Amino acid sequence: MNSAFNAGSSGGTTTAGLLLGQMSLPVGFVAAAVPALASTATALVRPGRTLRPAAATKTATAAADMSADVR
């Protein structure tokens, strides 16, 4: 079973490589970017997602303390 799965994966990768090898370079870049853009769009449009304001960081607090000491 494992050998058949590995053969299928290898065959699919070979086929994808042969198909993408025939495309121009800009089209290849677009094809490579599609999965990353699709996952980002899915994460941003996910229903029920609530945005929370960023919490104050220690660095920002330390910088505010230093500026108060200078005055």
PDB file of N, CA and C in Angstrom:
ATOM      1  N   MET A   1       0.829  -1.188   0.000  1.00  0.00           N
ATOM      2  CA  MET A   1       0.000   0.000   0.000  1.00  0.00           C
ATOM      3  C   MET A   1       0.877   1.258   0.000  1.00  0.00           C
ATOM      4  N   ASN A   2       1.901   1.252   0.834  1.00  0.00           N
ATOM      5  CA  ASN A   2       2.777   2.415   0.920  1.00  0.00           C
ATOM      6  C   ASN A   2       3.500   2.658  -0.405  1.00  0.00           C
ATOM      7  N   SER A   3       3.930   1.584  -1.049  1.00  0.00           N
ATOM      8  CA  SER A   3       4.626   1.732  -2.335  1.00  0.00           C
ATOM      9  C   SER A   3       3.718   2.340  -3.388  1.00  0.00           C
ATOM     10  N   ALA A   4       2.444   1.932  -3.382  1.00  0.00           N
ATOM     11  CA  ALA A   4       1.502   2.491  -4.355  1.00  0.00           C
ATOM     12  C   ALA A   4       1.268   3.977  -4.070  1.00  0.00           C
ATOM     13  N   PHE A   5       1.172   4.342  -2.797  1.00  0.00           N
ATOM     14  CA  PHE A   5       0.984   5.750  -2.441  1.00  0.00           C
ATOM     15  C   PHE A   5       2.185   6.575  -2.875  1.00  0.00           C
ATOM     16  N   ASN A   6       3.384   6.070  -2.595  1.00  0.00           N
ATOM     17  CA  ASN A   6       4.601   6.792  -2.978  1.00  0.00           C
ATOM     18  C   ASN A   6       4.720   6.912  -4.491  1.00  0.00           C
ATOM     19  N   ALA A   7       4.340   5.870  -5.218  1.00  0.00           N
ATOM     20  CA  ALA A   7       4.406   5.917  -6.684  1.00  0.00           C
ATOM     21  C   ALA A   7       3.425   6.960  -7.219  1.00  0.00           C
ATOM     22  N   GLY A   8       2.250   7.041  -6.610  1.00  0.00           N
ATOM     23  CA  GLY A   8       1.269   8.037  -7.044  1.00  0.00           C
ATOM     24  C   GLY A   8       1.768   9.448  -6.790  1.00  0.00           C
ATOM     25  N   SER A   9       2.379   9.666  -5.633  1.00  0.00           N
ATOM     26  CA  SER A   9       2.915  10.993  -5.323  1.00  0.00           C
ATOM     27  C   SER A   9       4.040  11.357  -6.276  1.00  0.00           C
ATOM     28  N   SER A  10       4.919  10.408  -6.552  1.00  0.00           N
ATOM     29  CA  SER A  10       6.033  10.673  -7.463  1.00  0.00           C
ATOM     30  C   SER A  10       5.527  10.958  -8.877  1.00  0.00           C
ATOM     31  N   GLY A  11       4.539  10.192  -9.309  1.00  0.00           N
ATOM     32  CA  GLY A  11       3.975  10.410 -10.640  1.00  0.00           C
ATOM     33  C   GLY A  11       3.297  11.765 -10.757  1.00  0.00           C
ATOM     34  N   GLY A  12       2.579  12.159  -9.714  1.00  0.00           N
ATOM     35  CA  GLY A  12       1.915  13.467  -9.719  1.00  0.00           C
ATOM     36  C   GLY A  12       2.914  14.604  -9.744  1.00  0.00           C
ATOM     37  N   THR A  13       3.987  14.456  -8.964  1.00  0.00           N
ATOM     38  CA  THR A  13       5.019  15.494  -8.934  1.00  0.00           C
ATOM     39  C   THR A  13       5.718  15.599 -10.284  1.00  0.00           C
ATOM     40  N   THR A  14       5.980  14.473 -10.896  1.00  0.00           N
ATOM     41  CA  THR A  14       6.621  14.466 -12.214  1.00  0.00           C
ATOM     42  C   THR A  14       5.724  15.136 -13.255  1.00  0.00           C
ATOM     43  N   THR A  15       4.452  14.797 -13.227  1.00  0.00           N
ATOM     44  CA  THR A  15       3.510  15.390 -14.182  1.00  0.00           C
ATOM     45  C   THR A  15       3.405  16.900 -13.988  1.00  0.00           C
ATOM     46  N   ALA A  16       3.299  17.326 -12.725  1.00  0.00           N
ATOM     47  CA  ALA A  16       3.218  18.766 -12.449  1.00  0.00           C
ATOM     48  C   ALA A  16       4.483  19.474 -12.918  1.00  0.00           C
ATOM     49  N   GLY A  17       5.637  18.862 -12.696  1.00  0.00           N
ATOM     50  CA  GLY A  17       6.889  19.462 -13.145  1.00  0.00           C
ATOM     51  C   GLY A  17       6.970  19.584 -14.652  1.00  0.00           C
ATOM     52  N   LEU A  18       6.512  18.559 -15.354  1.00  0.00           N
ATOM     53  CA  LEU A  18       6.531  18.618 -16.823  1.00  0.00           C
ATOM     54  C   LEU A  18       5.572  19.679 -17.354  1.00  0.00           C
ATOM     55  N   LEU A  19       4.403  19.794 -16.726  1.00  0.00           N
ATOM     56  CA  LEU A  19       3.437  20.800 -17.171  1.00  0.00           C
ATOM     57  C   LEU A  19       3.932  22.210 -16.874  1.00  0.00           C
ATOM     58  N   LEU A  20       4.468  22.421 -15.677  1.00  0.00           N
ATOM     59  CA  LEU A  20       4.949  23.756 -15.322  1.00  0.00           C
ATOM     60  C   LEU A  20       6.218  24.120 -16.091  1.00  0.00           C
ATOM     61  N   GLY A  21       6.981  23.123 -16.515  1.00  0.00           N
ATOM     62  CA  GLY A  21       8.196  23.383 -17.286  1.00  0.00           C
ATOM     63  C   GLY A  21       7.908  23.967 -18.653  1.00  0.00           C
ATOM     64  N   GLN A  22       6.699  23.772 -19.157  1.00  0.00           N
ATOM     65  CA  GLN A  22       6.320  24.290 -20.471  1.00  0.00           C
ATOM     66  C   GLN A  22       5.823  25.731 -20.409  1.00  0.00           C
ATOM     67  N   MET A  23       5.568  26.234 -19.198  1.00  0.00           N
ATOM     68  CA  MET A  23       5.029  27.589 -19.044  1.00  0.00           C
ATOM     69  C   MET A  23       6.154  28.619 -19.020  1.00  0.00           C
ATOM     70  N   SER A  24       5.771  29.864 -19.276  1.00  0.00           N
ATOM     71  CA  SER A  24       6.752  30.943 -19.187  1.00  0.00           C
ATOM     72  C   SER A  24       7.036  31.231 -17.703  1.00  0.00           C
ATOM     73  N   LEU A  25       8.122  31.905 -17.434  1.00  0.00           N
ATOM     74  CA  LEU A  25       8.538  32.178 -16.065  1.00  0.00           C
ATOM     75  C   LEU A  25       7.504  32.989 -15.275  1.00  0.00           C
ATOM     76  N   PRO A  26       6.941  34.063 -15.819  1.00  0.00           N
ATOM     77  CA  PRO A  26       5.936  34.814 -15.048  1.00  0.00           C
ATOM     78  C   PRO A  26       4.706  33.972 -14.679  1.00  0.00           C
ATOM     79  N   VAL A  27       4.272  33.115 -15.586  1.00  0.00           N
ATOM     80  CA  VAL A  27       3.124  32.255 -15.299  1.00  0.00           C
ATOM     81  C   VAL A  27       3.493  31.255 -14.196  1.00  0.00           C
ATOM     82  N   GLY A  28       4.729  30.798 -14.198  1.00  0.00           N
ATOM     83  CA  GLY A  28       5.185  29.894 -13.138  1.00  0.00           C
ATOM     84  C   GLY A  28       5.174  30.572 -11.779  1.00  0.00           C
ATOM     85  N   PHE A  29       5.580  31.830 -11.719  1.00  0.00           N
ATOM     86  CA  PHE A  29       5.546  32.575 -10.457  1.00  0.00           C
ATOM     87  C   PHE A  29       4.115  32.740  -9.962  1.00  0.00           C
ATOM     88  N   VAL A  30       3.201  33.021 -10.873  1.00  0.00           N
ATOM     89  CA  VAL A  30       1.796  33.164 -10.489  1.00  0.00           C
ATOM     90  C   VAL A  30       1.261  31.825  -9.981  1.00  0.00           C
ATOM     91  N   ALA A  31       1.599  30.744 -10.663  1.00  0.00           N
ATOM     92  CA  ALA A  31       1.146  29.415 -10.231  1.00  0.00           C
ATOM     93  C   ALA A  31       1.695  29.068  -8.854  1.00  0.00           C
ATOM     94  N   ALA A  32       2.914  29.483  -8.571  1.00  0.00           N
ATOM     95  CA  ALA A  32       3.505  29.206  -7.265  1.00  0.00           C
ATOM     96  C   ALA A  32       2.878  30.062  -6.172  1.00  0.00           C
ATOM     97  N   ALA A  33       2.390  31.251  -6.514  1.00  0.00           N
ATOM     98  CA  ALA A  33       1.817  32.157  -5.517  1.00  0.00           C
ATOM     99  C   ALA A  33       0.359  31.848  -5.193  1.00  0.00           C
ATOM    100  N   VAL A  34      -0.326  31.145  -6.057  1.00  0.00           N
ATOM    101  CA  VAL A  34      -1.759  30.903  -5.859  1.00  0.00           C
ATOM    102  C   VAL A  34      -2.067  30.204  -4.534  1.00  0.00           C
ATOM    103  N   PRO A  35      -1.380  29.126  -4.134  1.00  0.00           N
ATOM    104  CA  PRO A  35      -1.724  28.482  -2.856  1.00  0.00           C
ATOM    105  C   PRO A  35      -1.534  29.406  -1.648  1.00  0.00           C
ATOM    106  N   ALA A  36      -0.477  30.197  -1.636  1.00  0.00           N
ATOM    107  CA  ALA A  36      -0.244  31.102  -0.510  1.00  0.00           C
ATOM    108  C   ALA A  36      -1.319  32.184  -0.457  1.00  0.00           C
ATOM    109  N   LEU A  37      -1.687  32.737  -1.600  1.00  0.00           N
ATOM    110  CA  LEU A  37      -2.726  33.764  -1.635  1.00  0.00           C
ATOM    111  C   LEU A  37      -4.094  33.195  -1.264  1.00  0.00           C
ATOM    112  N   ALA A  38      -4.372  31.974  -1.706  1.00  0.00           N
ATOM    113  CA  ALA A  38      -5.656  31.352  -1.387  1.00  0.00           C
ATOM    114  C   ALA A  38      -5.785  31.074   0.106  1.00  0.00           C
ATOM    115  N   SER A  39      -4.704  30.606   0.732  1.00  0.00           N
ATOM    116  CA  SER A  39      -4.778  30.337   2.171  1.00  0.00           C
ATOM    117  C   SER A  39      -4.884  31.629   2.965  1.00  0.00           C
ATOM    118  N   THR A  40      -4.234  32.688   2.517  1.00  0.00           N
ATOM    119  CA  THR A  40      -4.342  33.977   3.192  1.00  0.00           C
ATOM    120  C   THR A  40      -5.756  34.527   3.072  1.00  0.00           C
ATOM    121  N   ALA A  41      -6.333  34.446   1.891  1.00  0.00           N
ATOM    122  CA  ALA A  41      -7.697  34.938   1.692  1.00  0.00           C
ATOM    123  C   ALA A  41      -8.685  34.146   2.539  1.00  0.00           C
ATOM    124  N   THR A  42      -8.487  32.834   2.626  1.00  0.00           N
ATOM    125  CA  THR A  42      -9.364  32.001   3.438  1.00  0.00           C
ATOM    126  C   THR A  42      -9.267  32.378   4.905  1.00  0.00           C
ATOM    127  N   ALA A  43      -8.067  32.639   5.389  1.00  0.00           N
ATOM    128  CA  ALA A  43      -7.884  33.003   6.791  1.00  0.00           C
ATOM    129  C   ALA A  43      -8.499  34.361   7.102  1.00  0.00           C
ATOM    130  N   LEU A  44      -8.457  35.289   6.158  1.00  0.00           N
ATOM    131  CA  LEU A  44      -8.989  36.627   6.397  1.00  0.00           C
ATOM    132  C   LEU A  44     -10.512  36.685   6.323  1.00  0.00           C
ATOM    133  N   VAL A  45     -11.116  35.805   5.545  1.00  0.00           N
ATOM    134  CA  VAL A  45     -12.549  35.852   5.323  1.00  0.00           C
ATOM    135  C   VAL A  45     -13.292  34.814   6.169  1.00  0.00           C
ATOM    136  N   ARG A  46     -12.595  34.128   7.029  1.00  0.00           N
ATOM    137  CA  ARG A  46     -13.198  33.070   7.839  1.00  0.00           C
ATOM    138  C   ARG A  46     -14.365  33.626   8.650  1.00  0.00           C
ATOM    139  N   PRO A  47     -15.557  32.985   8.594  1.00  0.00           N
ATOM    140  CA  PRO A  47     -16.711  33.498   9.341  1.00  0.00           C
ATOM    141  C   PRO A  47     -16.517  33.320  10.850  1.00  0.00           C
ATOM    142  N   GLY A  48     -17.056  34.268  11.598  1.00  0.00           N
ATOM    143  CA  GLY A  48     -16.962  34.194  13.051  1.00  0.00           C
ATOM    144  C   GLY A  48     -15.656  34.703  13.606  1.00  0.00           C
ATOM    145  N   ARG A  49     -14.815  35.237  12.772  1.00  0.00           N
ATOM    146  CA  ARG A  49     -13.512  35.731  13.222  1.00  0.00           C
ATOM    147  C   ARG A  49     -13.697  37.142  13.759  1.00  0.00           C
ATOM    148  N   THR A  50     -13.218  37.383  14.965  1.00  0.00           N
ATOM    149  CA  THR A  50     -13.302  38.720  15.544  1.00  0.00           C
ATOM    150  C   THR A  50     -11.909  39.300  15.656  1.00  0.00           C
ATOM    151  N   LEU A  51     -11.787  40.559  15.337  1.00  0.00           N
ATOM    152  CA  LEU A  51     -10.503  41.229  15.424  1.00  0.00           C
ATOM    153  C   LEU A  51     -10.386  41.891  16.785  1.00  0.00           C
ATOM    154  N   ARG A  52      -9.259  41.693  17.421  1.00  0.00           N
ATOM    155  CA  ARG A  52      -9.008  42.315  18.719  1.00  0.00           C
ATOM    156  C   ARG A  52      -7.889  43.324  18.567  1.00  0.00           C
ATOM    157  N   PRO A  53      -7.946  44.427  19.299  1.00  0.00           N
ATOM    158  CA  PRO A  53      -6.842  45.390  19.216  1.00  0.00           C
ATOM    159  C   PRO A  53      -5.576  44.775  19.805  1.00  0.00           C
ATOM    160  N   ALA A  54      -4.451  45.184  19.281  1.00  0.00           N
ATOM    161  CA  ALA A  54      -3.176  44.650  19.751  1.00  0.00           C
ATOM    162  C   ALA A  54      -2.929  45.111  21.184  1.00  0.00           C
ATOM    163  N   ALA A  55      -2.387  44.211  21.984  1.00  0.00           N
ATOM    164  CA  ALA A  55      -2.071  44.552  23.369  1.00  0.00           C
ATOM    165  C   ALA A  55      -0.773  45.343  23.413  1.00  0.00           C
ATOM    166  N   ALA A  56      -0.630  46.155  24.433  1.00  0.00           N
ATOM    167  CA  ALA A  56       0.605  46.937  24.592  1.00  0.00           C
ATOM    168  C   ALA A  56       1.762  45.987  24.877  1.00  0.00           C
ATOM    169  N   THR A  57       2.876  46.281  24.279  1.00  0.00           N
ATOM    170  CA  THR A  57       4.038  45.421  24.474  1.00  0.00           C
ATOM    171  C   THR A  57       4.945  45.993  25.539  1.00  0.00           C
ATOM    172  N   LYS A  58       5.821  45.151  26.060  1.00  0.00           N
ATOM    173  CA  LYS A  58       6.762  45.609  27.085  1.00  0.00           C
ATOM    174  C   LYS A  58       7.717  46.649  26.513  1.00  0.00           C
ATOM    175  N   THR A  59       8.074  46.502  25.247  1.00  0.00           N
ATOM    176  CA  THR A  59       8.991  47.445  24.624  1.00  0.00           C
ATOM    177  C   THR A  59       8.373  48.841  24.575  1.00  0.00           C
ATOM    178  N   ALA A  60       7.110  48.908  24.201  1.00  0.00           N
ATOM    179  CA  ALA A  60       6.444  50.210  24.130  1.00  0.00           C
ATOM    180  C   ALA A  60       6.344  50.820  25.525  1.00  0.00           C
ATOM    181  N   THR A  61       6.061  50.015  26.537  1.00  0.00           N
ATOM    182  CA  THR A  61       5.956  50.519  27.898  1.00  0.00           C
ATOM    183  C   THR A  61       7.310  51.001  28.394  1.00  0.00           C
ATOM    184  N   ALA A  62       8.362  50.239  28.096  1.00  0.00           N
ATOM    185  CA  ALA A  62       9.702  50.637  28.514  1.00  0.00           C
ATOM    186  C   ALA A  62      10.113  51.943  27.836  1.00  0.00           C
ATOM    187  N   ALA A  63       9.769  52.099  26.565  1.00  0.00           N
ATOM    188  CA  ALA A  63      10.106  53.332  25.856  1.00  0.00           C
ATOM    189  C   ALA A  63       9.351  54.516  26.456  1.00  0.00           C
ATOM    190  N   ALA A  64       8.097  54.319  26.833  1.00  0.00           N
ATOM    191  CA  ALA A  64       7.335  55.396  27.456  1.00  0.00           C
ATOM    192  C   ALA A  64       7.931  55.769  28.817  1.00  0.00           C
ATOM    193  N   ASP A  65       8.384  54.772  29.575  1.00  0.00           N
ATOM    194  CA  ASP A  65       9.005  55.035  30.875  1.00  0.00           C
ATOM    195  C   ASP A  65      10.282  55.833  30.704  1.00  0.00           C
ATOM    196  N   MET A  66      11.092  55.494  29.693  1.00  0.00           N
ATOM    197  CA  MET A  66      12.347  56.207  29.470  1.00  0.00           C
ATOM    198  C   MET A  66      12.093  57.652  29.063  1.00  0.00           C
ATOM    199  N   SER A  67      11.076  57.880  28.206  1.00  0.00           N
ATOM    200  CA  SER A  67      10.809  59.243  27.779  1.00  0.00           C
ATOM    201  C   SER A  67      10.273  60.069  28.941  1.00  0.00           C
ATOM    202  N   ALA A  68       9.573  59.442  29.863  1.00  0.00           N
ATOM    203  CA  ALA A  68       9.077  60.168  31.045  1.00  0.00           C
ATOM    204  C   ALA A  68      10.233  60.534  31.968  1.00  0.00           C
ATOM    205  N   ASP A  69      11.265  59.691  32.040  1.00  0.00           N
ATOM    206  CA  ASP A  69      12.424  59.968  32.909  1.00  0.00           C
ATOM    207  C   ASP A  69      13.255  61.120  32.360  1.00  0.00           C
ATOM    208  N   VAL A  70      13.276  61.287  31.050  1.00  0.00           N
ATOM    209  CA  VAL A  70      14.101  62.321  30.423  1.00  0.00           C
ATOM    210  C   VAL A  70      13.552  63.710  30.710  1.00  0.00           C
ATOM    211  N   ARG A  71      12.261  63.838  30.838  1.00  0.00           N
ATOM    212  CA  ARG A  71      11.641  65.150  31.036  1.00  0.00           C
ATOM    213  C   ARG A  71      11.965  65.720  32.341  1.00  0.00           C
TER     214      ARG A  71
END
